[in-house]
Amino acid sequence: MKKLLVAACILFSSVSAIANDNEDKTVVAKFKVTTNKIGKMANLTFIPTTSEKVTVKILDEKGNVIFQEQILNKEGFSRPYNLSQLEGTEYTIVVKEGKTTYEEKISIGTTELSTTSKNLVATASRIDENRVELKVLQNTVNPVFIIMRDSAGKIVYTSTVTDRVSFVQKFHVRQVSNELSFEVKAGDVVKTIEL
């Protein structure tokens, strides 16, 4: 009986290991910006997918970099940014992790408290050398604009998905050079993915 129990445990462990090898290994970073409009404060919370340094930039209304720093924290971080000394009210928070860029526009300086983070998760991966898969997840139905570019920056595909909260699209990319990038936009949130 004891040998039968041991054999069953070994068999279960083998099946479990095989099942884990076939799971989708896509890991998505967590990105959230909250603002206190009265005090002109922005709080960035970021949980990375890798142990690389991430670059945080704050851009003004014209797209000029007004602040930049690099942070190495494998566990994630939450940082306040005091924008009270600046004259503008519209800013963009940009976080670059490896080849993935997370971006969110914020508006501060009015008389209300607000959370401006919108949930948009976009990942892309190569299925094989001729096919790419794009996965998009958001928390409500918003139009999603998709642009695929080749390594020269030339637009090779555009699309708008208007009636889905989440979706998966597969692309045959045999005619496109090896390096691709996707720009996925919903509302004022833009995700850039480089393959």
Protein backbone atom coordinates (compact mmCIF):
# COMPACT_ATOMS: atom_id res chain seq x y z
CA MET A 1 0.00 0.00 0.00
CA LYS A 2 2.85 2.35 0.88
CA LYS A 3 4.53 1.70 -2.51
CA LEU A 4 1.26 2.40 -4.29
CA LEU A 5 0.91 5.74 -2.47
CA VAL A 6 4.51 6.72 -3.34
CA ALA A 7 3.96 5.76 -7.00
CA ALA A 8 0.76 7.83 -7.12
CA CYS A 9 2.57 10.86 -5.65
CA ILE A 10 5.38 10.56 -8.21
CA LEU A 11 2.87 10.23 -11.04
CA PHE A 12 0.92 13.28 -9.81
CA SER A 13 4.16 15.32 -9.56
CA SER A 14 5.10 14.38 -13.13
CA VAL A 15 1.68 15.34 -14.50
CA SER A 16 1.78 18.61 -12.54
CA ALA A 17 5.24 19.46 -13.91
CA ILE A 18 4.11 18.75 -17.49
CA ALA A 19 1.00 20.91 -17.03
CA ASN A 20 3.07 23.80 -15.68
CA ASP A 21 5.40 23.67 -18.71
CA ASN A 22 2.45 24.23 -21.06
CA GLU A 23 0.99 27.24 -19.22
CA ASP A 24 1.10 30.71 -20.76
CA LYS A 25 4.19 32.35 -19.32
CA THR A 26 3.14 35.92 -20.07
CA VAL A 27 3.79 38.13 -17.05
CA VAL A 28 2.25 41.58 -16.97
CA ALA A 29 3.59 44.45 -14.90
CA LYS A 30 1.18 46.37 -12.69
CA PHE A 31 1.07 50.11 -13.41
CA LYS A 32 -1.12 52.59 -11.57
CA VAL A 33 -1.07 56.37 -11.17
CA THR A 34 -3.26 58.20 -8.66
CA THR A 35 -3.41 61.95 -8.26
CA ASN A 36 -4.33 64.45 -5.60
CA LYS A 37 -5.47 67.37 -7.70
CA ILE A 38 -5.58 69.88 -4.84
CA GLY A 39 -1.97 69.34 -3.74
CA LYS A 40 -0.68 68.62 -7.26
CA MET A 41 0.72 65.25 -6.21
CA ALA A 42 0.98 62.14 -8.38
CA ASN A 43 1.64 58.73 -6.88
CA LEU A 44 3.09 56.00 -9.11
CA THR A 45 2.80 52.34 -8.14
CA PHE A 46 4.68 49.88 -10.30
CA ILE A 47 5.24 46.13 -9.93
CA PRO A 48 7.79 45.01 -12.53
CA THR A 49 7.93 41.76 -14.47
CA THR A 50 11.75 41.58 -14.48
CA SER A 51 14.63 42.51 -12.20
CA GLU A 52 15.88 45.17 -14.64
CA LYS A 53 16.07 48.87 -13.85
CA VAL A 54 12.98 50.78 -14.89
CA THR A 55 13.08 54.34 -16.17
CA VAL A 56 10.43 56.77 -14.94
CA LYS A 57 9.83 60.00 -16.86
CA ILE A 58 7.39 62.83 -16.32
CA LEU A 59 6.55 64.83 -19.44
CA ASP A 60 4.83 68.21 -19.61
CA GLU A 61 1.93 69.12 -21.94
CA LYS A 62 4.35 69.64 -24.85
CA GLY A 63 6.09 66.28 -24.36
CA ASN A 64 9.24 67.75 -22.80
CA VAL A 65 10.92 65.61 -20.13
CA ILE A 66 10.70 67.53 -16.84
CA PHE A 67 11.86 64.68 -14.59
CA GLN A 68 13.61 61.36 -15.13
CA GLU A 69 15.01 58.68 -12.83
CA GLN A 70 16.01 55.02 -12.91
CA ILE A 71 14.79 52.67 -10.21
CA LEU A 72 15.92 49.11 -9.47
CA ASN A 73 13.45 47.34 -7.21
CA LYS A 74 12.49 43.77 -8.04
CA GLU A 75 9.58 43.80 -5.61
CA GLY A 76 7.99 46.96 -7.02
CA PHE A 77 7.68 50.48 -5.70
CA SER A 78 5.29 53.29 -4.92
CA ARG A 79 6.63 56.84 -5.28
CA PRO A 80 5.04 60.23 -4.77
CA TYR A 81 5.88 63.04 -7.19
CA ASN A 82 5.25 66.62 -6.07
CA LEU A 83 4.31 68.73 -9.08
CA SER A 84 3.16 71.77 -7.09
CA GLN A 85 6.08 73.97 -8.23
CA LEU A 86 5.18 73.48 -11.89
CA GLU A 87 2.77 75.72 -13.79
CA GLY A 88 1.03 73.17 -16.00
CA THR A 89 -1.93 70.92 -15.25
CA GLU A 90 -1.45 68.15 -17.86
CA TYR A 91 1.40 65.65 -17.53
CA THR A 92 2.33 62.21 -18.82
CA ILE A 93 3.89 59.56 -16.60
CA VAL A 94 6.06 57.13 -18.61
CA VAL A 95 7.62 53.94 -17.24
CA LYS A 96 9.97 51.94 -19.47
CA GLU A 97 10.79 48.39 -18.44
CA GLY A 98 13.06 46.64 -20.92
CA LYS A 99 11.35 47.02 -24.30
CA THR A 100 7.89 47.69 -22.84
CA THR A 101 6.64 51.22 -22.20
CA TYR A 102 3.69 52.10 -19.95
CA GLU A 103 2.24 55.58 -20.33
CA GLU A 104 -0.58 57.50 -18.69
CA LYS A 105 -1.75 61.08 -19.04
CA ILE A 106 -2.79 62.85 -15.84
CA SER A 107 -4.50 66.14 -15.14
CA ILE A 108 -3.89 67.91 -11.83
CA GLY A 109 -4.41 71.36 -10.37
CA THR A 110 -8.21 71.49 -10.15
CA THR A 111 -10.33 71.24 -7.01
CA GLU A 112 -11.19 67.55 -6.84
CA LEU A 113 -9.59 64.27 -5.85
CA SER A 114 -9.39 61.64 -8.54
CA THR A 115 -7.89 58.32 -9.53
CA THR A 116 -6.94 58.56 -13.18
CA SER A 117 -5.57 55.08 -13.74
CA LYS A 118 -7.36 53.11 -16.39
CA ASN A 119 -6.76 49.41 -16.68
CA LEU A 120 -5.31 48.46 -20.04
CA VAL A 121 -3.03 45.47 -20.32
CA ALA A 122 -1.47 44.63 -23.66
CA THR A 123 1.08 41.89 -24.31
CA ALA A 124 2.53 40.54 -27.52
CA SER A 125 4.57 37.42 -28.13
CA ARG A 126 5.91 35.46 -31.06
CA ILE A 127 4.11 32.17 -31.64
CA ASP A 128 6.77 31.21 -34.20
CA GLU A 129 8.92 33.11 -36.71
CA ASN A 130 5.90 33.85 -38.95
CA ARG A 131 3.16 34.57 -36.38
CA VAL A 132 2.65 37.04 -33.55
CA GLU A 133 -0.12 37.09 -30.94
CA LEU A 134 -1.44 40.29 -29.34
CA LYS A 135 -3.54 40.07 -26.14
CA VAL A 136 -5.48 43.08 -24.86
CA LEU A 137 -7.42 43.34 -21.60
CA GLN A 138 -9.22 46.38 -20.21
CA ASN A 139 -11.76 46.87 -17.43
CA THR A 140 -14.53 48.39 -19.59
CA VAL A 141 -15.45 48.50 -23.26
CA ASN A 142 -13.49 51.36 -24.85
CA PRO A 143 -12.34 51.65 -28.45
CA VAL A 144 -8.84 50.15 -28.75
CA PHE A 145 -6.59 51.49 -31.50
CA ILE A 146 -3.81 49.15 -32.67
CA ILE A 147 -0.83 50.13 -34.81
CA MET A 148 1.86 47.62 -35.85
CA ARG A 149 5.15 49.00 -37.21
CA ASP A 150 8.18 47.33 -38.78
CA SER A 151 11.78 47.98 -37.69
CA ALA A 152 11.93 51.10 -39.90
CA GLY A 153 8.88 52.56 -38.14
CA LYS A 154 6.62 52.05 -41.16
CA ILE A 155 3.00 51.27 -40.31
CA VAL A 156 2.16 47.79 -41.59
CA TYR A 157 -1.21 47.33 -39.87
CA THR A 158 -3.85 49.45 -38.15
CA SER A 159 -7.12 48.45 -36.58
CA THR A 160 -9.78 49.68 -34.18
CA VAL A 161 -11.64 47.27 -31.93
CA THR A 162 -14.76 48.93 -30.51
CA ASP A 163 -16.90 46.23 -28.94
CA ARG A 164 -14.68 44.11 -26.69
CA VAL A 165 -13.37 44.28 -23.14
CA SER A 166 -10.62 41.81 -23.98
CA PHE A 167 -9.45 40.09 -27.13
CA VAL A 168 -6.62 38.16 -28.75
CA GLN A 169 -5.43 38.82 -32.31
CA LYS A 170 -2.98 36.70 -34.26
CA PHE A 171 -0.93 38.16 -37.10
CA HIS A 172 0.96 36.44 -39.92
CA VAL A 173 4.15 38.48 -40.24
CA ARG A 174 6.17 36.53 -42.79
CA GLN A 175 6.43 39.59 -45.08
CA VAL A 176 7.56 41.89 -42.24
CA SER A 177 11.13 42.24 -40.96
CA ASN A 178 12.11 40.54 -37.70
CA GLU A 179 11.59 43.50 -35.37
CA LEU A 180 8.04 44.69 -34.80
CA SER A 181 6.37 47.11 -32.42
CA PHE A 182 2.77 47.54 -31.39
CA GLU A 183 1.13 50.71 -30.13
CA VAL A 184 -2.11 49.95 -28.31
CA LYS A 185 -4.26 52.91 -27.21
CA ALA A 186 -7.52 53.03 -25.26
CA GLY A 187 -8.74 56.41 -24.02
CA ASP A 188 -5.68 58.31 -22.83
CA VAL A 189 -3.63 55.19 -22.02
CA VAL A 190 -1.00 54.12 -24.56
CA LYS A 191 1.02 50.89 -24.37
CA THR A 192 4.05 50.31 -26.59
CA ILE A 193 5.37 46.78 -27.08
CA GLU A 194 8.54 45.92 -29.00
CA LEU A 195 9.28 42.42 -30.26
